[in-house]
Amino acid sequence: MLSVDAGIAAVALGVVSGARPGFDNRIGLDAANLARIVALQADRAGLVEAVRRQGAVLCDVAGRLSDEDAAVLVPTLLVSGASVLVDDPVRLGDLVAGLAADHLPRHAEQLLDLRNR
């Protein structure tokens, strides 16, 4: 979640700067990268706070996108397990909206489940 949010925020900032970056979620699925991210946090509360901070960064960046920036097509590769979900250009605004509509709520549920354990 942290990796994906940061990646999309980086893509959005790149678009605003005039670059035309792509988005590939596989780094967010990499076990070594995920272990590194978790190891940087002191405990579960620290991980939750890091997710909250990164979500705020993404929301801030997304809220500042112009209509023109949101319309930019971003080469996108989204993978889940062994399945390729998307391998096409996606409007930046749709990429951000997909996080808000699907990705963030799904991971929020996972965090809530962890809290109840």
PDB file of N, CA and C in Angstrom:
ATOM      1  N   MET A   1       0.821  -1.184   0.000  1.00  0.00           N
ATOM      2  CA  MET A   1       0.000   0.000   0.000  1.00  0.00           C
ATOM      3  C   MET A   1       0.872   1.258   0.000  1.00  0.00           C
ATOM      4  N   LEU A   2       1.841   1.307   0.902  1.00  0.00           N
ATOM      5  CA  LEU A   2       2.739   2.462   0.938  1.00  0.00           C
ATOM      6  C   LEU A   2       3.471   2.616  -0.385  1.00  0.00           C
ATOM      7  N   SER A   3       3.939   1.517  -0.929  1.00  0.00           N
ATOM      8  CA  SER A   3       4.702   1.552  -2.165  1.00  0.00           C
ATOM      9  C   SER A   3       3.829   2.009  -3.330  1.00  0.00           C
ATOM     10  N   VAL A   4       2.621   1.488  -3.425  1.00  0.00           N
ATOM     11  CA  VAL A   4       1.717   1.862  -4.514  1.00  0.00           C
ATOM     12  C   VAL A   4       1.312   3.326  -4.402  1.00  0.00           C
ATOM     13  N   ASP A   5       0.939   3.763  -3.213  1.00  0.00           N
ATOM     14  CA  ASP A   5       0.551   5.168  -3.022  1.00  0.00           C
ATOM     15  C   ASP A   5       1.698   6.103  -3.389  1.00  0.00           C
ATOM     16  N   ALA A   6       2.901   5.772  -2.923  1.00  0.00           N
ATOM     17  CA  ALA A   6       4.060   6.604  -3.224  1.00  0.00           C
ATOM     18  C   ALA A   6       4.356   6.589  -4.718  1.00  0.00           C
ATOM     19  N   GLY A   7       4.207   5.439  -5.350  1.00  0.00           N
ATOM     20  CA  GLY A   7       4.450   5.337  -6.787  1.00  0.00           C
ATOM     21  C   GLY A   7       3.490   6.188  -7.593  1.00  0.00           C
ATOM     22  N   ILE A   8       2.227   6.168  -7.240  1.00  0.00           N
ATOM     23  CA  ILE A   8       1.248   6.973  -7.974  1.00  0.00           C
ATOM     24  C   ILE A   8       1.455   8.456  -7.685  1.00  0.00           C
ATOM     25  N   ALA A   9       1.793   8.807  -6.452  1.00  0.00           N
ATOM     26  CA  ALA A   9       2.108  10.208  -6.149  1.00  0.00           C
ATOM     27  C   ALA A   9       3.313  10.660  -6.975  1.00  0.00           C
ATOM     28  N   ALA A  10       4.320   9.794  -7.111  1.00  0.00           N
ATOM     29  CA  ALA A  10       5.502  10.128  -7.905  1.00  0.00           C
ATOM     30  C   ALA A  10       5.135  10.314  -9.375  1.00  0.00           C
ATOM     31  N   VAL A  11       4.267   9.453  -9.899  1.00  0.00           N
ATOM     32  CA  VAL A  11       3.812   9.589 -11.284  1.00  0.00           C
ATOM     33  C   VAL A  11       3.077  10.914 -11.455  1.00  0.00           C
ATOM     34  N   ALA A  12       2.187  11.232 -10.511  1.00  0.00           N
ATOM     35  CA  ALA A  12       1.428  12.488 -10.605  1.00  0.00           C
ATOM     36  C   ALA A  12       2.364  13.688 -10.577  1.00  0.00           C
ATOM     37  N   LEU A  13       3.340  13.673  -9.688  1.00  0.00           N
ATOM     38  CA  LEU A  13       4.302  14.781  -9.635  1.00  0.00           C
ATOM     39  C   LEU A  13       5.123  14.852 -10.916  1.00  0.00           C
ATOM     40  N   GLY A  14       5.454  13.703 -11.467  1.00  0.00           N
ATOM     41  CA  GLY A  14       6.174  13.680 -12.732  1.00  0.00           C
ATOM     42  C   GLY A  14       5.358  14.301 -13.853  1.00  0.00           C
ATOM     43  N   VAL A  15       4.084  13.960 -13.918  1.00  0.00           N
ATOM     44  CA  VAL A  15       3.203  14.525 -14.944  1.00  0.00           C
ATOM     45  C   VAL A  15       3.132  16.037 -14.802  1.00  0.00           C
ATOM     46  N   VAL A  16       2.950  16.508 -13.560  1.00  0.00           N
ATOM     47  CA  VAL A  16       2.868  17.954 -13.320  1.00  0.00           C
ATOM     48  C   VAL A  16       4.158  18.649 -13.744  1.00  0.00           C
ATOM     49  N   SER A  17       5.290  17.974 -13.578  1.00  0.00           N
ATOM     50  CA  SER A  17       6.580  18.579 -13.927  1.00  0.00           C
ATOM     51  C   SER A  17       6.850  18.559 -15.426  1.00  0.00           C
ATOM     52  N   GLY A  18       6.004  17.865 -16.182  1.00  0.00           N
ATOM     53  CA  GLY A  18       6.189  17.785 -17.623  1.00  0.00           C
ATOM     54  C   GLY A  18       6.744  16.459 -18.096  1.00  0.00           C
ATOM     55  N   ALA A  19       7.143  15.604 -17.175  1.00  0.00           N
ATOM     56  CA  ALA A  19       7.628  14.274 -17.547  1.00  0.00           C
ATOM     57  C   ALA A  19       6.428  13.395 -17.906  1.00  0.00           C
ATOM     58  N   ARG A  20       6.693  12.295 -18.514  1.00  0.00           N
ATOM     59  CA  ARG A  20       5.627  11.349 -18.850  1.00  0.00           C
ATOM     60  C   ARG A  20       6.010   9.969 -18.323  1.00  0.00           C
ATOM     61  N   PRO A  21       5.954   9.813 -16.981  1.00  0.00           N
ATOM     62  CA  PRO A  21       6.344   8.540 -16.362  1.00  0.00           C
ATOM     63  C   PRO A  21       5.270   7.476 -16.555  1.00  0.00           C
ATOM     64  N   GLY A  22       5.662   6.249 -16.320  1.00  0.00           N
ATOM     65  CA  GLY A  22       4.717   5.137 -16.320  1.00  0.00           C
ATOM     66  C   GLY A  22       4.515   4.644 -14.902  1.00  0.00           C
ATOM     67  N   PHE A  23       3.504   3.795 -14.725  1.00  0.00           N
ATOM     68  CA  PHE A  23       3.257   3.206 -13.408  1.00  0.00           C
ATOM     69  C   PHE A  23       3.220   1.692 -13.537  1.00  0.00           C
ATOM     70  N   ASP A  24       3.975   1.031 -12.669  1.00  0.00           N
ATOM     71  CA  ASP A  24       4.081  -0.429 -12.632  1.00  0.00           C
ATOM     72  C   ASP A  24       3.980  -0.836 -11.162  1.00  0.00           C
ATOM     73  N   ASN A  25       2.939  -1.561 -10.794  1.00  0.00           N
ATOM     74  CA  ASN A  25       2.727  -1.876  -9.382  1.00  0.00           C
ATOM     75  C   ASN A  25       3.544  -3.063  -8.880  1.00  0.00           C
ATOM     76  N   ARG A  26       4.356  -3.681  -9.720  1.00  0.00           N
ATOM     77  CA  ARG A  26       5.069  -4.885  -9.269  1.00  0.00           C
ATOM     78  C   ARG A  26       6.020  -4.633  -8.109  1.00  0.00           C
ATOM     79  N   ILE A  27       6.588  -3.434  -7.980  1.00  0.00           N
ATOM     80  CA  ILE A  27       7.468  -3.157  -6.837  1.00  0.00           C
ATOM     81  C   ILE A  27       6.678  -3.234  -5.533  1.00  0.00           C
ATOM     82  N   GLY A  28       5.389  -2.914  -5.593  1.00  0.00           N
ATOM     83  CA  GLY A  28       4.533  -3.008  -4.416  1.00  0.00           C
ATOM     84  C   GLY A  28       4.157  -4.430  -4.060  1.00  0.00           C
ATOM     85  N   LEU A  29       4.467  -5.369  -4.940  1.00  0.00           N
ATOM     86  CA  LEU A  29       4.187  -6.782  -4.690  1.00  0.00           C
ATOM     87  C   LEU A  29       5.447  -7.562  -4.324  1.00  0.00           C
ATOM     88  N   ASP A  30       6.593  -6.922  -4.461  1.00  0.00           N
ATOM     89  CA  ASP A  30       7.869  -7.572  -4.216  1.00  0.00           C
ATOM     90  C   ASP A  30       8.061  -7.816  -2.717  1.00  0.00           C
ATOM     91  N   ALA A  31       8.239  -9.079  -2.335  1.00  0.00           N
ATOM     92  CA  ALA A  31       8.339  -9.442  -0.917  1.00  0.00           C
ATOM     93  C   ALA A  31       9.496  -8.738  -0.217  1.00  0.00           C
ATOM     94  N   ALA A  32      10.641  -8.629  -0.876  1.00  0.00           N
ATOM     95  CA  ALA A  32      11.798  -7.968  -0.250  1.00  0.00           C
ATOM     96  C   ALA A  32      11.508  -6.483  -0.025  1.00  0.00           C
ATOM     97  N   ASN A  33      10.878  -5.838  -0.984  1.00  0.00           N
ATOM     98  CA  ASN A  33      10.540  -4.424  -0.829  1.00  0.00           C
ATOM     99  C   ASN A  33       9.521  -4.240   0.291  1.00  0.00           C
ATOM    100  N   LEU A  34       8.518  -5.106   0.336  1.00  0.00           N
ATOM    101  CA  LEU A  34       7.511  -5.005   1.393  1.00  0.00           C
ATOM    102  C   LEU A  34       8.139  -5.232   2.768  1.00  0.00           C
ATOM    103  N   ALA A  35       9.050  -6.198   2.863  1.00  0.00           N
ATOM    104  CA  ALA A  35       9.727  -6.454   4.139  1.00  0.00           C
ATOM    105  C   ALA A  35      10.551  -5.239   4.561  1.00  0.00           C
ATOM    106  N   ARG A  36      11.199  -4.577   3.592  1.00  0.00           N
ATOM    107  CA  ARG A  36      11.979  -3.373   3.884  1.00  0.00           C
ATOM    108  C   ARG A  36      11.083  -2.271   4.417  1.00  0.00           C
ATOM    109  N   ILE A  37       9.931  -2.075   3.788  1.00  0.00           N
ATOM    110  CA  ILE A  37       8.994  -1.036   4.221  1.00  0.00           C
ATOM    111  C   ILE A  37       8.506  -1.311   5.638  1.00  0.00           C
ATOM    112  N   VAL A  38       8.130  -2.547   5.908  1.00  0.00           N
ATOM    113  CA  VAL A  38       7.644  -2.910   7.243  1.00  0.00           C
ATOM    114  C   VAL A  38       8.753  -2.761   8.276  1.00  0.00           C
ATOM    115  N   ALA A  39       9.975  -3.155   7.923  1.00  0.00           N
ATOM    116  CA  ALA A  39      11.097  -3.078   8.860  1.00  0.00           C
ATOM    117  C   ALA A  39      11.429  -1.638   9.246  1.00  0.00           C
ATOM    118  N   LEU A  40      11.087  -0.688   8.404  1.00  0.00           N
ATOM    119  CA  LEU A  40      11.351   0.718   8.715  1.00  0.00           C
ATOM    120  C   LEU A  40      10.425   1.256   9.810  1.00  0.00           C
ATOM    121  N   GLN A  41       9.369   0.516  10.113  1.00  0.00           N
ATOM    122  CA  GLN A  41       8.398   0.964  11.112  1.00  0.00           C
ATOM    123  C   GLN A  41       8.696   0.278  12.448  1.00  0.00           C
ATOM    124  N   ALA A  42       8.510   1.003  13.519  1.00  0.00           N
ATOM    125  CA  ALA A  42       8.806   0.469  14.850  1.00  0.00           C
ATOM    126  C   ALA A  42       7.836  -0.634  15.264  1.00  0.00           C
ATOM    127  N   ASP A  43       6.576  -0.486  14.886  1.00  0.00           N
ATOM    128  CA  ASP A  43       5.547  -1.438  15.287  1.00  0.00           C
ATOM    129  C   ASP A  43       4.333  -1.263  14.384  1.00  0.00           C
ATOM    130  N   ARG A  44       3.279  -1.974  14.695  1.00  0.00           N
ATOM    131  CA  ARG A  44       2.057  -1.912  13.892  1.00  0.00           C
ATOM    132  C   ARG A  44       1.484  -0.496  13.859  1.00  0.00           C
ATOM    133  N   ALA A  45       1.512   0.195  14.992  1.00  0.00           N
ATOM    134  CA  ALA A  45       1.010   1.572  15.040  1.00  0.00           C
ATOM    135  C   ALA A  45       1.831   2.470  14.123  1.00  0.00           C
ATOM    136  N   GLY A  46       3.132   2.239  14.069  1.00  0.00           N
ATOM    137  CA  GLY A  46       3.986   3.007  13.168  1.00  0.00           C
ATOM    138  C   GLY A  46       3.660   2.746  11.710  1.00  0.00           C
ATOM    139  N   LEU A  47       3.338   1.501  11.406  1.00  0.00           N
ATOM    140  CA  LEU A  47       2.962   1.153  10.040  1.00  0.00           C
ATOM    141  C   LEU A  47       1.650   1.835   9.657  1.00  0.00           C
ATOM    142  N   VAL A  48       0.691   1.814  10.561  1.00  0.00           N
ATOM    143  CA  VAL A  48      -0.592   2.486  10.307  1.00  0.00           C
ATOM    144  C   VAL A  48      -0.371   3.981  10.098  1.00  0.00           C
ATOM    145  N   GLU A  49       0.471   4.582  10.911  1.00  0.00           N
ATOM    146  CA  GLU A  49       0.753   6.012  10.768  1.00  0.00           C
ATOM    147  C   GLU A  49       1.460   6.302   9.447  1.00  0.00           C
ATOM    148  N   ALA A  50       2.372   5.437   9.026  1.00  0.00           N
ATOM    149  CA  ALA A  50       3.055   5.623   7.751  1.00  0.00           C
ATOM    150  C   ALA A  50       2.061   5.550   6.593  1.00  0.00           C
ATOM    151  N   VAL A  51       1.127   4.624   6.672  1.00  0.00           N
ATOM    152  CA  VAL A  51       0.076   4.521   5.645  1.00  0.00           C
ATOM    153  C   VAL A  51      -0.760   5.793   5.635  1.00  0.00           C
ATOM    154  N   ARG A  52      -1.101   6.278   6.804  1.00  0.00           N
ATOM    155  CA  ARG A  52      -1.901   7.513   6.914  1.00  0.00           C
ATOM    156  C   ARG A  52      -1.145   8.704   6.294  1.00  0.00           C
ATOM    157  N   ARG A  53       0.142   8.826   6.609  1.00  0.00           N
ATOM    158  CA  ARG A  53       0.945   9.930   6.058  1.00  0.00           C
ATOM    159  C   ARG A  53       1.050   9.842   4.541  1.00  0.00           C
ATOM    160  N   GLN A  54       1.334   8.642   4.035  1.00  0.00           N
ATOM    161  CA  GLN A  54       1.484   8.480   2.593  1.00  0.00           C
ATOM    162  C   GLN A  54       0.158   8.728   1.885  1.00  0.00           C
ATOM    163  N   GLY A  55      -0.948   8.311   2.488  1.00  0.00           N
ATOM    164  CA  GLY A  55      -2.263   8.587   1.919  1.00  0.00           C
ATOM    165  C   GLY A  55      -2.529  10.083   1.854  1.00  0.00           C
ATOM    166  N   ALA A  56      -2.100  10.815   2.876  1.00  0.00           N
ATOM    167  CA  ALA A  56      -2.282  12.274   2.892  1.00  0.00           C
ATOM    168  C   ALA A  56      -1.462  12.932   1.786  1.00  0.00           C
ATOM    169  N   VAL A  57      -0.241  12.436   1.564  1.00  0.00           N
ATOM    170  CA  VAL A  57       0.594  12.974   0.484  1.00  0.00           C
ATOM    171  C   VAL A  57      -0.095  12.750  -0.856  1.00  0.00           C
ATOM    172  N   LEU A  58      -0.566  11.529  -1.076  1.00  0.00           N
ATOM    173  CA  LEU A  58      -1.224  11.214  -2.335  1.00  0.00           C
ATOM    174  C   LEU A  58      -2.473  12.071  -2.528  1.00  0.00           C
ATOM    175  N   CYS A  59      -3.271  12.223  -1.487  1.00  0.00           N
ATOM    176  CA  CYS A  59      -4.481  13.056  -1.584  1.00  0.00           C
ATOM    177  C   CYS A  59      -4.127  14.501  -1.893  1.00  0.00           C
ATOM    178  N   ASP A  60      -3.068  15.011  -1.280  1.00  0.00           N
ATOM    179  CA  ASP A  60      -2.645  16.387  -1.531  1.00  0.00           C
ATOM    180  C   ASP A  60      -2.218  16.558  -2.987  1.00  0.00           C
ATOM    181  N   VAL A  61      -1.392  15.645  -3.470  1.00  0.00           N
ATOM    182  CA  VAL A  61      -0.930  15.728  -4.861  1.00  0.00           C
ATOM    183  C   VAL A  61      -2.121  15.595  -5.810  1.00  0.00           C
ATOM    184  N   ALA A  62      -2.982  14.621  -5.570  1.00  0.00           N
ATOM    185  CA  ALA A  62      -4.144  14.400  -6.448  1.00  0.00           C
ATOM    186  C   ALA A  62      -5.070  15.610  -6.457  1.00  0.00           C
ATOM    187  N   GLY A  63      -5.235  16.246  -5.328  1.00  0.00           N
ATOM    188  CA  GLY A  63      -6.110  17.406  -5.236  1.00  0.00           C
ATOM    189  C   GLY A  63      -5.592  18.616  -5.980  1.00  0.00           C
ATOM    190  N   ARG A  64      -4.334  18.607  -6.325  1.00  0.00           N
ATOM    191  CA  ARG A  64      -3.723  19.739  -7.022  1.00  0.00           C
ATOM    192  C   ARG A  64      -3.610  19.524  -8.532  1.00  0.00           C
ATOM    193  N   LEU A  65      -4.042  18.374  -9.025  1.00  0.00           N
ATOM    194  CA  LEU A  65      -3.940  18.097 -10.456  1.00  0.00           C
ATOM    195  C   LEU A  65      -4.921  18.956 -11.238  1.00  0.00           C
ATOM    196  N   SER A  66      -4.441  19.536 -12.320  1.00  0.00           N
ATOM    197  CA  SER A  66      -5.345  20.259 -13.220  1.00  0.00           C
ATOM    198  C   SER A  66      -6.100  19.224 -14.056  1.00  0.00           C
ATOM    199  N   ASP A  67      -7.152  19.675 -14.728  1.00  0.00           N
ATOM    200  CA  ASP A  67      -7.889  18.780 -15.621  1.00  0.00           C
ATOM    201  C   ASP A  67      -6.973  18.240 -16.712  1.00  0.00           C
ATOM    202  N   GLU A  68      -6.060  19.071 -17.183  1.00  0.00           N
ATOM    203  CA  GLU A  68      -5.122  18.644 -18.227  1.00  0.00           C
ATOM    204  C   GLU A  68      -4.181  17.561 -17.703  1.00  0.00           C
ATOM    205  N   ASP A  69      -3.684  17.757 -16.476  1.00  0.00           N
ATOM    206  CA  ASP A  69      -2.807  16.745 -15.882  1.00  0.00           C
ATOM    207  C   ASP A  69      -3.564  15.435 -15.686  1.00  0.00           C
ATOM    208  N   ALA A  70      -4.772  15.517 -15.196  1.00  0.00           N
ATOM    209  CA  ALA A  70      -5.578  14.314 -14.939  1.00  0.00           C
ATOM    210  C   ALA A  70      -5.887  13.556 -16.225  1.00  0.00           C
ATOM    211  N   ALA A  71      -5.895  14.241 -17.351  1.00  0.00           N
ATOM    212  CA  ALA A  71      -6.210  13.615 -18.636  1.00  0.00           C
ATOM    213  C   ALA A  71      -5.005  12.942 -19.284  1.00  0.00           C
ATOM    214  N   VAL A  72      -3.795  13.164 -18.759  1.00  0.00           N
ATOM    215  CA  VAL A  72      -2.586  12.579 -19.354  1.00  0.00           C
ATOM    216  C   VAL A  72      -2.656  11.054 -19.256  1.00  0.00           C
ATOM    217  N   LEU A  73      -2.368  10.406 -20.383  1.00  0.00           N
ATOM    218  CA  LEU A  73      -2.329   8.941 -20.404  1.00  0.00           C
ATOM    219  C   LEU A  73      -1.003   8.462 -19.838  1.00  0.00           C
ATOM    220  N   VAL A  74      -1.072   7.567 -18.865  1.00  0.00           N
ATOM    221  CA  VAL A  74       0.106   7.025 -18.184  1.00  0.00           C
ATOM    222  C   VAL A  74       0.229   5.553 -18.553  1.00  0.00           C
ATOM    223  N   PRO A  75       1.357   5.152 -19.167  1.00  0.00           N
ATOM    224  CA  PRO A  75       1.560   3.721 -19.409  1.00  0.00           C
ATOM    225  C   PRO A  75       1.466   2.984 -18.066  1.00  0.00           C
ATOM    226  N   THR A  76       0.582   2.005 -17.985  1.00  0.00           N
ATOM    227  CA  THR A  76       0.274   1.373 -16.705  1.00  0.00           C
ATOM    228  C   THR A  76       0.331  -0.138 -16.812  1.00  0.00           C
ATOM    229  N   LEU A  77       1.000  -0.758 -15.841  1.00  0.00           N
ATOM    230  CA  LEU A  77       0.997  -2.199 -15.687  1.00  0.00           C
ATOM    231  C   LEU A  77       0.538  -2.499 -14.263  1.00  0.00           C
ATOM    232  N   LEU A  78      -0.622  -3.127 -14.151  1.00  0.00           N
ATOM    233  CA  LEU A  78      -1.160  -3.538 -12.846  1.00  0.00           C
ATOM    234  C   LEU A  78      -1.258  -5.051 -12.834  1.00  0.00           C
ATOM    235  N   VAL A  79      -0.593  -5.644 -11.857  1.00  0.00           N
ATOM    236  CA  VAL A  79      -0.552  -7.082 -11.714  1.00  0.00           C
ATOM    237  C   VAL A  79      -1.120  -7.451 -10.345  1.00  0.00           C
ATOM    238  N   SER A  80      -1.861  -8.538 -10.303  1.00  0.00           N
ATOM    239  CA  SER A  80      -2.341  -9.090  -9.035  1.00  0.00           C
ATOM    240  C   SER A  80      -2.053 -10.581  -9.059  1.00  0.00           C
ATOM    241  N   GLY A  81      -1.173 -11.017  -8.178  1.00  0.00           N
ATOM    242  CA  GLY A  81      -0.745 -12.413  -8.209  1.00  0.00           C
ATOM    243  C   GLY A  81      -0.074 -12.699  -9.537  1.00  0.00           C
ATOM    244  N   ALA A  82      -0.559 -13.713 -10.248  1.00  0.00           N
ATOM    245  CA  ALA A  82      -0.003 -14.061 -11.557  1.00  0.00           C
ATOM    246  C   ALA A  82      -0.810 -13.454 -12.701  1.00  0.00           C
ATOM    247  N   SER A  83      -1.811 -12.646 -12.376  1.00  0.00           N
ATOM    248  CA  SER A  83      -2.699 -12.086 -13.397  1.00  0.00           C
ATOM    249  C   SER A  83      -2.352 -10.640 -13.720  1.00  0.00           C
ATOM    250  N   VAL A  84      -2.309 -10.340 -14.996  1.00  0.00           N
ATOM    251  CA  VAL A  84      -2.155  -8.962 -15.444  1.00  0.00           C
ATOM    252  C   VAL A  84      -3.558  -8.364 -15.529  1.00  0.00           C
ATOM    253  N   LEU A  85      -3.805  -7.338 -14.734  1.00  0.00           N
ATOM    254  CA  LEU A  85      -5.110  -6.692 -14.716  1.00  0.00           C
ATOM    255  C   LEU A  85      -5.202  -5.587 -15.761  1.00  0.00           C
ATOM    256  N   VAL A  86      -4.121  -4.823 -15.895  1.00  0.00           N
ATOM    257  CA  VAL A  86      -4.077  -3.708 -16.840  1.00  0.00           C
ATOM    258  C   VAL A  86      -2.677  -3.648 -17.439  1.00  0.00           C
ATOM    259  N   ASP A  87      -2.605  -3.532 -18.745  1.00  0.00           N
ATOM    260  CA  ASP A  87      -1.343  -3.292 -19.442  1.00  0.00           C
ATOM    261  C   ASP A  87      -1.644  -2.357 -20.605  1.00  0.00           C
ATOM    262  N   ASP A  88      -2.085  -1.172 -20.260  1.00  0.00           N
ATOM    263  CA  ASP A  88      -2.496  -0.162 -21.231  1.00  0.00           C
ATOM    264  C   ASP A  88      -2.311   1.215 -20.613  1.00  0.00           C
ATOM    265  N   PRO A  89      -2.301   2.237 -21.440  1.00  0.00           N
ATOM    266  CA  PRO A  89      -2.300   3.592 -20.887  1.00  0.00           C
ATOM    267  C   PRO A  89      -3.608   3.864 -20.137  1.00  0.00           C
ATOM    268  N   VAL A  90      -3.491   4.543 -19.005  1.00  0.00           N
ATOM    269  CA  VAL A  90      -4.641   4.905 -18.169  1.00  0.00           C
ATOM    270  C   VAL A  90      -4.522   6.397 -17.869  1.00  0.00           C
ATOM    271  N   ARG A  91      -5.648   7.085 -17.942  1.00  0.00           N
ATOM    272  CA  ARG A  91      -5.634   8.503 -17.574  1.00  0.00           C
ATOM    273  C   ARG A  91      -5.170   8.619 -16.123  1.00  0.00           C
ATOM    274  N   LEU A  92      -4.304   9.607 -15.858  1.00  0.00           N
ATOM    275  CA  LEU A  92      -3.800   9.804 -14.502  1.00  0.00           C
ATOM    276  C   LEU A  92      -4.946   9.967 -13.510  1.00  0.00           C
ATOM    277  N   GLY A  93      -5.959  10.724 -13.867  1.00  0.00           N
ATOM    278  CA  GLY A  93      -7.105  10.906 -12.985  1.00  0.00           C
ATOM    279  C   GLY A  93      -7.797   9.594 -12.656  1.00  0.00           C
ATOM    280  N   ASP A  94      -7.879   8.687 -13.643  1.00  0.00           N
ATOM    281  CA  ASP A  94      -8.497   7.383 -13.406  1.00  0.00           C
ATOM    282  C   ASP A  94      -7.616   6.497 -12.533  1.00  0.00           C
ATOM    283  N   LEU A  95      -6.301   6.627 -12.694  1.00  0.00           N
ATOM    284  CA  LEU A  95      -5.370   5.868 -11.859  1.00  0.00           C
ATOM    285  C   LEU A  95      -5.526   6.279 -10.397  1.00  0.00           C
ATOM    286  N   VAL A  96      -5.589   7.576 -10.153  1.00  0.00           N
ATOM    287  CA  VAL A  96      -5.771   8.096  -8.792  1.00  0.00           C
ATOM    288  C   VAL A  96      -7.155   7.700  -8.262  1.00  0.00           C
ATOM    289  N   ALA A  97      -8.178   7.841  -9.089  1.00  0.00           N
ATOM    290  CA  ALA A  97      -9.544   7.498  -8.660  1.00  0.00           C
ATOM    291  C   ALA A  97      -9.661   6.010  -8.332  1.00  0.00           C
ATOM    292  N   GLY A  98      -8.933   5.180  -9.071  1.00  0.00           N
ATOM    293  CA  GLY A  98      -8.941   3.743  -8.787  1.00  0.00           C
ATOM    294  C   GLY A  98      -8.389   3.433  -7.413  1.00  0.00           C
ATOM    295  N   LEU A  99      -7.385   4.187  -7.000  1.00  0.00           N
ATOM    296  CA  LEU A  99      -6.866   4.026  -5.636  1.00  0.00           C
ATOM    297  C   LEU A  99      -7.935   4.371  -4.616  1.00  0.00           C
ATOM    298  N   ALA A 100      -8.586   5.496  -4.853  1.00  0.00           N
ATOM    299  CA  ALA A 100      -9.600   5.966  -3.894  1.00  0.00           C
ATOM    300  C   ALA A 100     -10.785   5.019  -3.831  1.00  0.00           C
ATOM    301  N   ALA A 101     -11.186   4.469  -4.975  1.00  0.00           N
ATOM    302  CA  ALA A 101     -12.395   3.648  -5.029  1.00  0.00           C
ATOM    303  C   ALA A 101     -12.167   2.198  -4.633  1.00  0.00           C
ATOM    304  N   ASP A 102     -10.960   1.674  -4.877  1.00  0.00           N
ATOM    305  CA  ASP A 102     -10.740   0.245  -4.683  1.00  0.00           C
ATOM    306  C   ASP A 102      -9.557  -0.058  -3.774  1.00  0.00           C
ATOM    307  N   HIS A 103      -8.389   0.433  -4.147  1.00  0.00           N
ATOM    308  CA  HIS A 103      -7.151   0.045  -3.470  1.00  0.00           C
ATOM    309  C   HIS A 103      -7.123   0.451  -1.990  1.00  0.00           C
ATOM    310  N   LEU A 104      -7.373   1.709  -1.716  1.00  0.00           N
ATOM    311  CA  LEU A 104      -7.303   2.185  -0.326  1.00  0.00           C
ATOM    312  C   LEU A 104      -8.353   1.534   0.573  1.00  0.00           C
ATOM    313  N   PRO A 105      -9.622   1.452   0.146  1.00  0.00           N
ATOM    314  CA  PRO A 105     -10.602   0.792   1.024  1.00  0.00           C
ATOM    315  C   PRO A 105     -10.267  -0.682   1.307  1.00  0.00           C
ATOM    316  N   ARG A 106      -9.733  -1.377   0.289  1.00  0.00           N
ATOM    317  CA  ARG A 106      -9.390  -2.791   0.482  1.00  0.00           C
ATOM    318  C   ARG A 106      -8.278  -2.932   1.520  1.00  0.00           C
ATOM    319  N   HIS A 107      -7.274  -2.060   1.439  1.00  0.00           N
ATOM    320  CA  HIS A 107      -6.177  -2.142   2.399  1.00  0.00           C
ATOM    321  C   HIS A 107      -6.585  -1.604   3.768  1.00  0.00           C
ATOM    322  N   ALA A 108      -7.473  -0.659   3.812  1.00  0.00           N
ATOM    323  CA  ALA A 108      -7.988  -0.194   5.106  1.00  0.00           C
ATOM    324  C   ALA A 108      -8.667  -1.348   5.833  1.00  0.00           C
ATOM    325  N   GLU A 109      -9.415  -2.159   5.090  1.00  0.00           N
ATOM    326  CA  GLU A 109     -10.062  -3.344   5.667  1.00  0.00           C
ATOM    327  C   GLU A 109      -9.015  -4.300   6.221  1.00  0.00           C
ATOM    328  N   GLN A 110      -7.923  -4.507   5.476  1.00  0.00           N
ATOM    329  CA  GLN A 110      -6.859  -5.390   5.945  1.00  0.00           C
ATOM    330  C   GLN A 110      -6.243  -4.876   7.243  1.00  0.00           C
ATOM    331  N   LEU A 111      -6.026  -3.576   7.330  1.00  0.00           N
ATOM    332  CA  LEU A 111      -5.469  -3.001   8.550  1.00  0.00           C
ATOM    333  C   LEU A 111      -6.429  -3.147   9.718  1.00  0.00           C
ATOM    334  N   LEU A 112      -7.710  -2.955   9.466  1.00  0.00           N
ATOM    335  CA  LEU A 112      -8.709  -3.127  10.527  1.00  0.00           C
ATOM    336  C   LEU A 112      -8.723  -4.590  11.000  1.00  0.00           C
ATOM    337  N   ASP A 113      -8.596  -5.513  10.086  1.00  0.00           N
ATOM    338  CA  ASP A 113      -8.546  -6.928  10.460  1.00  0.00           C
ATOM    339  C   ASP A 113      -7.332  -7.216  11.333  1.00  0.00           C
ATOM    340  N   LEU A 114      -6.192  -6.591  11.026  1.00  0.00           N
ATOM    341  CA  LEU A 114      -4.992  -6.778  11.840  1.00  0.00           C
ATOM    342  C   LEU A 114      -5.209  -6.235  13.257  1.00  0.00           C
ATOM    343  N   ARG A 115      -5.902  -5.121  13.350  1.00  0.00           N
ATOM    344  CA  ARG A 115      -6.156  -4.515  14.661  1.00  0.00           C
ATOM    345  C   ARG A 115      -6.984  -5.448  15.547  1.00  0.00           C
ATOM    346  N   ASN A 116      -7.862  -6.208  14.933  1.00  0.00           N
ATOM    347  CA  ASN A 116      -8.745  -7.103  15.686  1.00  0.00           C
ATOM    348  C   ASN A 116      -8.078  -8.412  16.065  1.00  0.00           C
ATOM    349  N   ARG A 117      -6.856  -8.619  15.676  1.00  0.00           N
ATOM    350  CA  ARG A 117      -6.159  -9.885  16.016  1.00  0.00           C
ATOM    351  C   ARG A 117      -5.444  -9.778  17.321  1.00  0.00           C
TER     352      ARG A 117
END
